[in-house]
Amino acid sequence: LCFLENSFVIIMSLEGNQAVDSELEKFLTVEKVKTQFHEQVHHITDVCWDKCIDKPGSKLDGKTQACMINCVERFIDASLILTNRFAHLLQGSRS
């Protein structure tokens, strides 16, 4: 009898979990996007650091700061251009 009661509780729980599954899926999607964003930030930082920083100091000089800003802006510009281009190509292939 206990097994049947437990099975019933599990089945009812699974049926009631559809809303929970939807919320969990949304949460996981948001967390995945956050992770991708953080990975992108780290990648940009690595690329621009290697390009602009000759030797670490206590603070960034004007030239280094300008290089970092320009590098990040160009990286973002290139990423947006590529993303838009791929989206356009994907739309064209669906038509």
N, C-alpha and C. Protein backbone atom coordinates (compact mmCIF):
# COMPACT_ATOMS: atom_id res chain seq x y z
N LEU A 1 0.83 -1.20 0.00
CA LEU A 1 0.00 0.00 0.00
C LEU A 1 0.87 1.26 0.00
N CYS A 2 1.95 1.22 0.76
CA CYS A 2 2.86 2.37 0.81
C CYS A 2 3.47 2.64 -0.56
N PHE A 3 3.84 1.57 -1.29
CA PHE A 3 4.41 1.71 -2.63
C PHE A 3 3.42 2.39 -3.57
N LEU A 4 2.14 1.98 -3.50
CA LEU A 4 1.12 2.58 -4.36
C LEU A 4 0.92 4.05 -4.01
N GLU A 5 0.92 4.37 -2.72
CA GLU A 5 0.77 5.77 -2.32
C GLU A 5 1.95 6.60 -2.82
N ASN A 6 3.16 6.07 -2.67
CA ASN A 6 4.34 6.78 -3.14
C ASN A 6 4.32 6.96 -4.65
N SER A 7 3.89 5.92 -5.38
CA SER A 7 3.81 6.00 -6.84
C SER A 7 2.80 7.06 -7.25
N PHE A 8 1.66 7.11 -6.55
CA PHE A 8 0.63 8.10 -6.86
C PHE A 8 1.18 9.51 -6.62
N VAL A 9 1.88 9.69 -5.52
CA VAL A 9 2.46 11.00 -5.20
C VAL A 9 3.47 11.39 -6.27
N ILE A 10 4.29 10.45 -6.71
CA ILE A 10 5.29 10.72 -7.76
C ILE A 10 4.60 11.11 -9.05
N ILE A 11 3.56 10.35 -9.44
CA ILE A 11 2.84 10.64 -10.69
C ILE A 11 2.18 12.01 -10.61
N MET A 12 1.51 12.32 -9.49
CA MET A 12 0.87 13.62 -9.33
C MET A 12 1.93 14.73 -9.34
N SER A 13 3.04 14.45 -8.73
CA SER A 13 4.12 15.44 -8.70
C SER A 13 4.64 15.70 -10.10
N LEU A 14 4.82 14.65 -10.89
CA LEU A 14 5.31 14.80 -12.26
C LEU A 14 4.32 15.58 -13.11
N GLU A 15 3.03 15.30 -12.94
CA GLU A 15 2.02 16.03 -13.72
C GLU A 15 1.98 17.49 -13.31
N GLY A 16 2.15 17.78 -12.04
CA GLY A 16 2.13 19.15 -11.56
C GLY A 16 3.42 19.90 -11.87
N ASN A 17 4.42 19.18 -12.27
CA ASN A 17 5.73 19.80 -12.52
C ASN A 17 5.86 20.42 -13.90
N GLN A 18 4.83 20.34 -14.74
CA GLN A 18 4.93 20.94 -16.06
C GLN A 18 5.18 22.44 -15.95
N ALA A 19 4.49 23.10 -15.03
CA ALA A 19 4.72 24.53 -14.82
C ALA A 19 6.11 24.76 -14.26
N VAL A 20 6.53 23.89 -13.34
CA VAL A 20 7.86 24.00 -12.76
C VAL A 20 8.91 23.77 -13.84
N ASP A 21 8.67 22.78 -14.71
CA ASP A 21 9.61 22.50 -15.81
C ASP A 21 9.75 23.71 -16.72
N SER A 22 8.65 24.39 -17.00
CA SER A 22 8.69 25.59 -17.84
C SER A 22 9.51 26.68 -17.16
N GLU A 23 9.28 26.87 -15.88
CA GLU A 23 10.04 27.87 -15.13
C GLU A 23 11.52 27.49 -15.06
N LEU A 24 11.79 26.21 -14.86
CA LEU A 24 13.18 25.74 -14.80
C LEU A 24 13.86 25.94 -16.15
N GLU A 25 13.13 25.66 -17.22
CA GLU A 25 13.69 25.86 -18.56
C GLU A 25 14.02 27.33 -18.81
N LYS A 26 13.13 28.22 -18.40
CA LYS A 26 13.38 29.66 -18.54
C LYS A 26 14.60 30.07 -17.72
N PHE A 27 14.67 29.57 -16.49
CA PHE A 27 15.80 29.89 -15.62
C PHE A 27 17.11 29.42 -16.23
N LEU A 28 17.12 28.18 -16.73
CA LEU A 28 18.33 27.63 -17.33
C LEU A 28 18.74 28.40 -18.58
N THR A 29 17.76 28.85 -19.36
CA THR A 29 18.06 29.64 -20.55
C THR A 29 18.71 30.97 -20.16
N VAL A 30 18.16 31.62 -19.15
CA VAL A 30 18.73 32.89 -18.67
C VAL A 30 20.15 32.67 -18.16
N GLU A 31 20.35 31.59 -17.40
CA GLU A 31 21.69 31.31 -16.87
C GLU A 31 22.68 31.00 -17.99
N LYS A 32 22.21 30.32 -19.03
CA LYS A 32 23.08 30.02 -20.17
C LYS A 32 23.51 31.31 -20.87
N VAL A 33 22.56 32.23 -21.05
CA VAL A 33 22.87 33.51 -21.69
C VAL A 33 23.86 34.30 -20.83
N LYS A 34 23.65 34.29 -19.52
CA LYS A 34 24.58 34.98 -18.62
C LYS A 34 25.99 34.40 -18.74
N THR A 35 26.06 33.08 -18.77
CA THR A 35 27.36 32.40 -18.89
C THR A 35 28.03 32.77 -20.20
N GLN A 36 27.26 32.76 -21.29
CA GLN A 36 27.83 33.13 -22.59
C GLN A 36 28.32 34.57 -22.58
N PHE A 37 27.57 35.45 -21.94
CA PHE A 37 27.98 36.85 -21.84
C PHE A 37 29.30 36.97 -21.08
N HIS A 38 29.39 36.29 -19.94
CA HIS A 38 30.62 36.36 -19.15
C HIS A 38 31.81 35.78 -19.91
N GLU A 39 31.58 34.69 -20.65
CA GLU A 39 32.65 34.12 -21.46
C GLU A 39 33.11 35.11 -22.53
N GLN A 40 32.17 35.81 -23.14
CA GLN A 40 32.50 36.80 -24.17
C GLN A 40 33.30 37.95 -23.56
N VAL A 41 32.89 38.41 -22.39
CA VAL A 41 33.62 39.49 -21.72
C VAL A 41 35.05 39.06 -21.42
N HIS A 42 35.22 37.84 -20.92
CA HIS A 42 36.57 37.34 -20.63
C HIS A 42 37.40 37.22 -21.91
N HIS A 43 36.77 36.78 -22.98
CA HIS A 43 37.50 36.65 -24.25
C HIS A 43 37.95 38.03 -24.75
N ILE A 44 37.04 39.00 -24.73
CA ILE A 44 37.38 40.36 -25.17
C ILE A 44 38.51 40.91 -24.30
N THR A 45 38.40 40.70 -23.00
CA THR A 45 39.43 41.18 -22.08
C THR A 45 40.79 40.58 -22.42
N ASP A 46 40.81 39.27 -22.66
CA ASP A 46 42.07 38.60 -23.00
C ASP A 46 42.67 39.15 -24.29
N VAL A 47 41.84 39.27 -25.32
CA VAL A 47 42.32 39.74 -26.62
C VAL A 47 42.85 41.18 -26.50
N CYS A 48 42.06 42.04 -25.91
CA CYS A 48 42.45 43.45 -25.82
C CYS A 48 43.61 43.66 -24.86
N TRP A 49 43.68 42.88 -23.79
CA TRP A 49 44.82 42.97 -22.87
C TRP A 49 46.10 42.64 -23.60
N ASP A 50 46.08 41.51 -24.34
CA ASP A 50 47.29 41.11 -25.07
C ASP A 50 47.68 42.15 -26.12
N LYS A 51 46.69 42.78 -26.73
CA LYS A 51 46.97 43.77 -27.77
C LYS A 51 47.47 45.10 -27.20
N CYS A 52 46.94 45.52 -26.07
CA CYS A 52 47.17 46.89 -25.60
C CYS A 52 48.13 47.03 -24.42
N ILE A 53 48.29 46.01 -23.64
CA ILE A 53 49.09 46.13 -22.42
C ILE A 53 50.50 45.60 -22.67
N ASP A 54 51.48 46.50 -22.67
CA ASP A 54 52.87 46.09 -22.82
C ASP A 54 53.42 45.56 -21.51
N LYS A 55 53.23 46.34 -20.48
CA LYS A 55 53.69 45.94 -19.15
C LYS A 55 52.71 46.47 -18.12
N PRO A 56 52.31 45.62 -17.19
CA PRO A 56 51.35 46.06 -16.17
C PRO A 56 51.96 47.13 -15.28
N GLY A 57 51.16 48.08 -14.94
CA GLY A 57 51.58 49.14 -14.03
C GLY A 57 50.51 49.36 -12.97
N SER A 58 50.69 50.37 -12.17
CA SER A 58 49.72 50.64 -11.11
C SER A 58 48.43 51.25 -11.67
N LYS A 59 48.51 51.85 -12.86
CA LYS A 59 47.32 52.39 -13.51
C LYS A 59 47.57 52.44 -15.02
N LEU A 60 46.46 52.59 -15.76
CA LEU A 60 46.57 52.65 -17.22
C LEU A 60 46.90 54.08 -17.65
N ASP A 61 47.86 54.21 -18.55
CA ASP A 61 48.12 55.55 -19.10
C ASP A 61 47.09 55.84 -20.18
N GLY A 62 47.07 57.07 -20.67
CA GLY A 62 46.08 57.49 -21.65
C GLY A 62 46.11 56.67 -22.93
N LYS A 63 47.31 56.37 -23.42
CA LYS A 63 47.45 55.60 -24.65
C LYS A 63 46.89 54.18 -24.48
N THR A 64 47.21 53.55 -23.37
CA THR A 64 46.73 52.20 -23.10
C THR A 64 45.23 52.19 -22.92
N GLN A 65 44.71 53.16 -22.20
CA GLN A 65 43.27 53.25 -21.98
C GLN A 65 42.53 53.44 -23.31
N ALA A 66 43.04 54.32 -24.16
CA ALA A 66 42.43 54.55 -25.47
C ALA A 66 42.47 53.27 -26.31
N CYS A 67 43.60 52.55 -26.24
CA CYS A 67 43.73 51.30 -26.99
C CYS A 67 42.69 50.28 -26.52
N MET A 68 42.53 50.15 -25.20
CA MET A 68 41.55 49.20 -24.65
C MET A 68 40.14 49.56 -25.08
N ILE A 69 39.80 50.83 -24.98
CA ILE A 69 38.45 51.28 -25.38
C ILE A 69 38.22 51.00 -26.85
N ASN A 70 39.17 51.38 -27.70
CA ASN A 70 39.04 51.16 -29.13
C ASN A 70 38.94 49.67 -29.45
N CYS A 71 39.76 48.86 -28.80
CA CYS A 71 39.75 47.42 -29.04
C CYS A 71 38.39 46.81 -28.71
N VAL A 72 37.86 47.15 -27.54
CA VAL A 72 36.56 46.62 -27.12
C VAL A 72 35.47 47.09 -28.08
N GLU A 73 35.48 48.36 -28.44
CA GLU A 73 34.45 48.88 -29.36
C GLU A 73 34.52 48.19 -30.72
N ARG A 74 35.72 47.99 -31.25
CA ARG A 74 35.85 47.31 -32.54
C ARG A 74 35.42 45.85 -32.44
N PHE A 75 35.73 45.21 -31.32
CA PHE A 75 35.33 43.82 -31.11
C PHE A 75 33.81 43.71 -31.08
N ILE A 76 33.16 44.62 -30.38
CA ILE A 76 31.69 44.63 -30.32
C ILE A 76 31.11 44.92 -31.70
N ASP A 77 31.67 45.90 -32.41
CA ASP A 77 31.20 46.21 -33.77
C ASP A 77 31.30 44.98 -34.67
N ALA A 78 32.44 44.30 -34.63
CA ALA A 78 32.63 43.12 -35.48
C ALA A 78 31.66 42.02 -35.09
N SER A 79 31.44 41.82 -33.80
CA SER A 79 30.50 40.79 -33.34
C SER A 79 29.08 41.09 -33.81
N LEU A 80 28.68 42.36 -33.73
CA LEU A 80 27.33 42.73 -34.18
C LEU A 80 27.18 42.55 -35.69
N ILE A 81 28.20 42.94 -36.44
CA ILE A 81 28.15 42.77 -37.90
C ILE A 81 28.02 41.30 -38.26
N LEU A 82 28.83 40.45 -37.62
CA LEU A 82 28.77 39.02 -37.90
C LEU A 82 27.43 38.42 -37.49
N THR A 83 26.93 38.80 -36.33
CA THR A 83 25.65 38.29 -35.86
C THR A 83 24.53 38.68 -36.82
N ASN A 84 24.50 39.94 -37.22
CA ASN A 84 23.47 40.41 -38.15
C ASN A 84 23.59 39.72 -39.50
N ARG A 85 24.82 39.53 -39.96
CA ARG A 85 25.04 38.87 -41.26
C ARG A 85 24.56 37.42 -41.22
N PHE A 86 24.89 36.70 -40.15
CA PHE A 86 24.44 35.32 -40.05
C PHE A 86 22.92 35.24 -39.92
N ALA A 87 22.32 36.17 -39.18
CA ALA A 87 20.86 36.19 -39.06
C ALA A 87 20.22 36.44 -40.41
N HIS A 88 20.81 37.34 -41.20
CA HIS A 88 20.30 37.64 -42.54
C HIS A 88 20.44 36.41 -43.44
N LEU A 89 21.57 35.74 -43.38
CA LEU A 89 21.77 34.53 -44.19
C LEU A 89 20.80 33.43 -43.78
N LEU A 90 20.56 33.30 -42.48
CA LEU A 90 19.64 32.29 -41.98
C LEU A 90 18.22 32.58 -42.45
N GLN A 91 17.82 33.85 -42.41
CA GLN A 91 16.50 34.24 -42.89
C GLN A 91 16.36 33.95 -44.38
N GLY A 92 17.40 34.24 -45.14
CA GLY A 92 17.37 34.00 -46.58
C GLY A 92 17.28 32.52 -46.91
N SER A 93 17.90 31.68 -46.12
CA SER A 93 17.86 30.24 -46.40
C SER A 93 16.51 29.64 -46.04
N ARG A 94 15.76 30.30 -45.16
CA ARG A 94 14.43 29.80 -44.78
C ARG A 94 13.36 30.20 -45.78
N SER A 95 13.64 31.24 -46.55
CA SER A 95 12.63 31.75 -47.50
C SER A 95 12.59 30.91 -48.75
